[in-house]
Amino acid sequence: MEKSSKSSKLTQENFEESARLKTLYQAARHGLSQEAFGAKYDIGNQGAVWQCLNGKGMPISMKAAIGFARGLGCDIADFSPRLAAEAAAAAAVSPQESSEESVAVRHMAVKFSNGYGRAVFDEEENPSLFFRPDFIRKLGMYVKDAVLVDADGDSNYPVIHSGGVVLVDRGTTEIQDGKLYAFRCGGELLIKKLTRLPDGSILAISENSAYPPRILREDEDFEIIGRTRWTCHSI
């Protein structure tokens, strides 16, 4: 008689997803226990986090994948191309089908420098832009954490164009090395790729190699606003 087990529902692909996720989890500097991580990022209890990391029980769910992506500052595709594809397929609906479910994302009247750094504030917000909630979830973030800012300058060209609109995930403020973040350093508002160095300082790198890297320290009035998840620009 064939042995029945929940683990029989897991495929080789599921085991590989868990292995990749565990590698990302162990490399992250979140400083949380599995129980605290699961509660903070809406994954579940300690057992649920442990099962996802070790390929036990059931395959990683979309809800758990979104939580891990937020907590680890990564994309769902970094550990589960399967779930990333499912999210993309769910988002691939016509505007007519999704119009009643669109949500307004605040567009702040502030420019984050794509150059050497300068803050530009206006008194009011720009008109909100509308997104499908499933598209925002596909990016590995929650609607409540989404905010739009404007980019100014060419230091991240061609990834981010000057004048482009950038979607920032305010729920992801832990640094994952090599990812783009919007942050404040002194009086500057910047978007750069950040990497934490062994001595605790932070290396800020522009996508445009014409701009030299910078070394930042968190004790110099430094604050991460959020990870940049998406951008669009005029053509």
Protein backbone atom coordinates (compact mmCIF):
# COMPACT_ATOMS: atom_id res chain seq x y z
CA MET A 1 0.00 0.00 0.00
CA GLU A 2 1.39 3.42 -0.97
CA LYS A 3 2.32 5.60 1.97
CA SER A 4 0.25 8.79 2.19
CA SER A 5 2.08 11.91 3.25
CA LYS A 6 1.77 15.66 2.88
CA SER A 7 5.36 15.66 1.68
CA SER A 8 4.24 13.63 -1.36
CA LYS A 9 2.60 16.83 -2.62
CA LEU A 10 6.00 18.46 -2.93
CA THR A 11 7.80 18.21 -6.26
CA GLN A 12 11.49 18.54 -7.00
CA GLU A 13 10.75 22.11 -8.09
CA ASN A 14 9.22 22.83 -4.68
CA PHE A 15 12.29 21.46 -2.88
CA GLU A 16 14.55 23.63 -5.04
CA GLU A 17 12.40 26.70 -4.26
CA SER A 18 12.77 26.06 -0.53
CA ALA A 19 16.53 25.58 -0.88
CA ARG A 20 16.91 28.90 -2.71
CA LEU A 21 14.66 30.62 -0.17
CA LYS A 22 16.67 29.20 2.75
CA THR A 23 19.89 30.51 1.22
CA LEU A 24 18.40 34.00 0.91
CA TYR A 25 16.96 33.82 4.43
CA GLN A 26 20.26 32.80 6.00
CA ALA A 27 22.17 35.50 4.10
CA ALA A 28 19.76 38.29 5.09
CA ARG A 29 20.45 40.57 8.05
CA HIS A 30 16.88 40.81 9.34
CA GLY A 31 17.85 39.87 12.92
CA LEU A 32 14.52 38.16 13.61
CA SER A 33 13.61 34.73 14.89
CA GLN A 34 11.50 32.59 12.57
CA GLU A 35 8.49 33.26 14.77
CA ALA A 36 9.00 37.03 14.70
CA PHE A 37 9.74 37.02 10.96
CA GLY A 38 6.55 35.07 10.22
CA ALA A 39 4.44 37.42 12.32
CA LYS A 40 5.97 40.63 10.95
CA TYR A 41 5.61 39.65 7.29
CA ASP A 42 2.26 37.85 7.54
CA ILE A 43 3.63 34.40 6.69
CA GLY A 44 2.36 32.52 9.72
CA ASN A 45 3.83 31.00 12.86
CA GLN A 46 7.33 29.63 13.34
CA GLY A 47 6.28 26.26 11.96
CA ALA A 48 5.03 27.81 8.73
CA VAL A 49 8.32 29.67 8.21
CA TRP A 50 10.33 26.52 8.99
CA GLN A 51 8.31 24.42 6.53
CA CYS A 52 8.82 26.94 3.72
CA LEU A 53 12.56 27.06 4.36
CA ASN A 54 13.01 23.31 4.58
CA GLY A 55 10.64 21.95 1.93
CA LYS A 56 8.24 20.31 4.36
CA GLY A 57 4.48 20.05 4.37
CA MET A 58 2.99 22.00 1.48
CA PRO A 59 4.55 24.01 -1.36
CA ILE A 60 5.30 27.66 -0.65
CA SER A 61 2.07 29.63 -1.03
CA MET A 62 1.71 32.95 -2.82
CA LYS A 63 0.93 34.67 0.49
CA ALA A 64 4.10 33.27 2.05
CA ALA A 65 6.15 34.16 -1.03
CA ILE A 66 5.01 37.78 -0.84
CA GLY A 67 5.90 37.90 2.85
CA PHE A 68 9.36 36.43 2.32
CA ALA A 69 10.02 38.78 -0.61
CA ARG A 70 9.17 41.75 1.60
CA GLY A 71 11.16 40.56 4.56
CA LEU A 72 14.24 39.58 2.58
CA GLY A 73 14.13 42.52 0.18
CA CYS A 74 14.14 40.25 -2.85
CA ASP A 75 11.88 39.37 -5.77
CA ILE A 76 9.66 36.29 -5.71
CA ALA A 77 11.47 35.15 -8.85
CA ASP A 78 14.72 35.01 -6.87
CA PHE A 79 13.50 31.83 -5.17
CA SER A 80 10.36 30.74 -7.04
CA PRO A 81 10.10 31.38 -10.78
CA ARG A 82 6.93 29.25 -10.60
CA LEU A 83 5.12 31.64 -8.27
CA ALA A 84 6.51 34.68 -10.07
CA ALA A 85 5.04 33.33 -13.31
CA GLU A 86 1.69 32.67 -11.61
CA ALA A 87 1.63 36.23 -10.30
CA ALA A 88 2.49 37.60 -13.73
CA ALA A 89 -0.26 35.53 -15.33
CA ALA A 90 -2.77 36.79 -12.78
CA ALA A 91 -1.75 40.36 -13.54
CA ALA A 92 -2.11 39.86 -17.30
CA VAL A 93 -5.76 40.90 -17.49
CA SER A 94 -7.30 43.62 -19.60
CA PRO A 95 -7.81 47.13 -18.17
CA GLN A 96 -11.57 46.63 -18.52
CA GLU A 97 -11.45 43.50 -16.38
CA SER A 98 -9.37 45.10 -13.66
CA SER A 99 -10.66 48.68 -13.64
CA GLU A 100 -13.02 48.14 -10.70
CA GLU A 101 -10.19 46.63 -8.67
CA SER A 102 -7.56 49.30 -9.33
CA VAL A 103 -6.12 51.15 -6.36
CA ALA A 104 -4.73 54.65 -6.08
CA VAL A 105 -1.05 54.93 -5.17
CA ARG A 106 0.08 58.24 -3.68
CA HIS A 107 2.43 60.21 -5.92
CA MET A 108 4.55 62.34 -3.63
CA ALA A 109 5.66 65.75 -4.85
CA VAL A 110 9.31 65.01 -4.18
CA LYS A 111 12.19 64.22 -6.50
CA PHE A 112 14.82 61.64 -5.68
CA SER A 113 18.08 62.50 -7.31
CA ASN A 114 19.35 60.30 -10.09
CA GLY A 115 22.46 62.48 -10.05
CA TYR A 116 24.68 63.75 -7.26
CA GLY A 117 21.84 64.33 -4.85
CA ARG A 118 19.42 67.10 -4.05
CA ALA A 119 16.05 67.22 -2.37
CA VAL A 120 13.16 68.99 -4.08
CA PHE A 121 9.88 69.24 -2.15
CA ASP A 122 6.59 70.75 -3.23
CA GLU A 123 3.75 71.71 -0.91
CA GLU A 124 1.21 69.26 -2.33
CA GLU A 125 1.12 65.73 -3.67
CA ASN A 126 0.90 64.99 -7.36
CA PRO A 127 -2.24 63.24 -8.63
CA SER A 128 -2.31 59.59 -7.66
CA LEU A 129 -1.69 56.88 -10.23
CA PHE A 130 -3.77 53.71 -10.38
CA PHE A 131 -2.44 50.16 -10.30
CA ARG A 132 -3.94 46.69 -10.20
CA PRO A 133 -3.48 45.20 -6.73
CA ASP A 134 -2.38 41.91 -8.28
CA PHE A 135 0.39 43.73 -10.19
CA ILE A 136 1.68 45.27 -6.96
CA ARG A 137 1.60 41.87 -5.26
CA LYS A 138 3.50 40.42 -8.20
CA LEU A 139 6.30 42.85 -7.38
CA GLY A 140 6.54 41.30 -3.91
CA MET A 141 5.00 44.15 -1.92
CA TYR A 142 1.76 45.25 -0.27
CA VAL A 143 -0.50 48.00 -1.62
CA LYS A 144 -0.36 49.85 1.71
CA ASP A 145 3.42 50.17 1.40
CA ALA A 146 3.42 51.58 -2.15
CA VAL A 147 4.33 55.20 -2.87
CA LEU A 148 5.44 56.91 -6.07
CA VAL A 149 8.29 59.41 -6.37
CA ASP A 150 9.97 61.15 -9.30
CA ALA A 151 13.54 60.59 -10.44
CA ASP A 152 15.76 63.49 -11.45
CA GLY A 153 19.10 63.00 -13.22
CA ASP A 154 20.86 60.26 -15.15
CA SER A 155 22.99 58.42 -12.58
CA ASN A 156 20.83 55.29 -12.85
CA TYR A 157 20.31 55.42 -16.60
CA PRO A 158 19.24 53.27 -18.44
CA VAL A 159 17.42 51.50 -15.58
CA ILE A 160 15.80 54.71 -14.33
CA HIS A 161 15.36 57.67 -16.64
CA SER A 162 15.41 61.30 -15.54
CA GLY A 163 11.79 62.37 -15.10
CA GLY A 164 10.67 58.78 -14.61
CA VAL A 165 8.17 57.71 -11.98
CA VAL A 166 9.50 55.20 -9.46
CA LEU A 167 7.40 52.86 -7.30
CA VAL A 168 8.92 52.55 -3.83
CA ASP A 169 8.16 49.74 -1.37
CA ARG A 170 8.21 51.40 2.05
CA GLY A 171 7.74 48.02 3.71
CA THR A 172 11.21 46.84 2.62
CA THR A 173 13.95 48.78 4.36
CA GLU A 174 16.43 45.99 5.10
CA ILE A 175 19.35 46.08 2.67
CA GLN A 176 19.69 43.20 0.23
CA ASP A 177 23.06 43.67 -1.41
CA GLY A 178 22.99 45.05 -4.93
CA LYS A 179 19.33 46.15 -4.99
CA LEU A 180 18.12 49.69 -5.70
CA TYR A 181 16.79 51.70 -2.76
CA ALA A 182 15.39 55.17 -2.25
CA PHE A 183 17.04 56.73 0.79
CA ARG A 184 17.88 59.96 2.58
CA CYS A 185 21.43 60.85 3.53
CA GLY A 186 21.70 64.22 5.20
CA GLY A 187 19.84 66.69 3.00
CA GLU A 188 20.00 64.44 -0.06
CA LEU A 189 17.32 62.14 -1.42
CA LEU A 190 18.92 59.46 -3.56
CA ILE A 191 18.28 56.24 -5.44
CA LYS A 192 21.27 53.90 -5.56
CA LYS A 193 22.21 50.23 -5.39
CA LEU A 194 23.20 49.53 -1.79
CA THR A 195 25.57 46.92 -0.39
CA ARG A 196 26.44 46.57 3.28
CA LEU A 197 30.18 46.28 3.89
CA PRO A 198 31.86 44.19 6.63
CA ASP A 199 32.69 47.29 8.71
CA GLY A 200 29.02 48.30 8.83
CA SER A 201 29.28 51.09 6.27
CA ILE A 202 27.17 51.05 3.10
CA LEU A 203 28.41 51.14 -0.47
CA ALA A 204 26.13 53.17 -2.78
CA ILE A 205 26.56 52.51 -6.49
CA SER A 206 24.86 54.15 -9.47
CA GLU A 207 23.73 52.15 -12.48
CA ASN A 208 25.55 54.71 -14.64
CA SER A 209 29.27 54.01 -14.28
CA ALA A 210 30.07 57.68 -14.95
CA TYR A 211 29.10 58.35 -11.34
CA PRO A 212 31.62 57.16 -8.74
CA PRO A 213 30.54 54.93 -5.81
CA ARG A 214 30.00 56.46 -2.39
CA ILE A 215 30.59 55.12 1.11
CA LEU A 216 27.78 55.96 3.53
CA ARG A 217 27.47 55.51 7.28
CA GLU A 218 24.19 55.07 9.11
CA ASP A 219 25.34 57.46 11.85
CA GLU A 220 25.32 60.39 9.39
CA ASP A 221 21.57 61.00 9.34
CA PHE A 222 20.88 58.05 7.05
CA GLU A 223 17.40 56.58 6.44
CA ILE A 224 16.18 54.04 3.90
CA ILE A 225 12.79 55.10 2.53
CA GLY A 226 12.19 51.80 0.73
CA ARG A 227 13.24 49.50 -2.04
CA THR A 228 12.49 50.60 -5.61
CA ARG A 229 10.33 47.96 -7.29
CA TRP A 230 9.25 49.44 -10.65
CA THR A 231 9.70 52.47 -12.86
CA CYS A 232 8.17 53.96 -15.97
CA HIS A 233 9.13 56.92 -18.13
CA SER A 234 8.09 58.82 -21.23
CA ILE A 235 9.31 57.64 -24.62
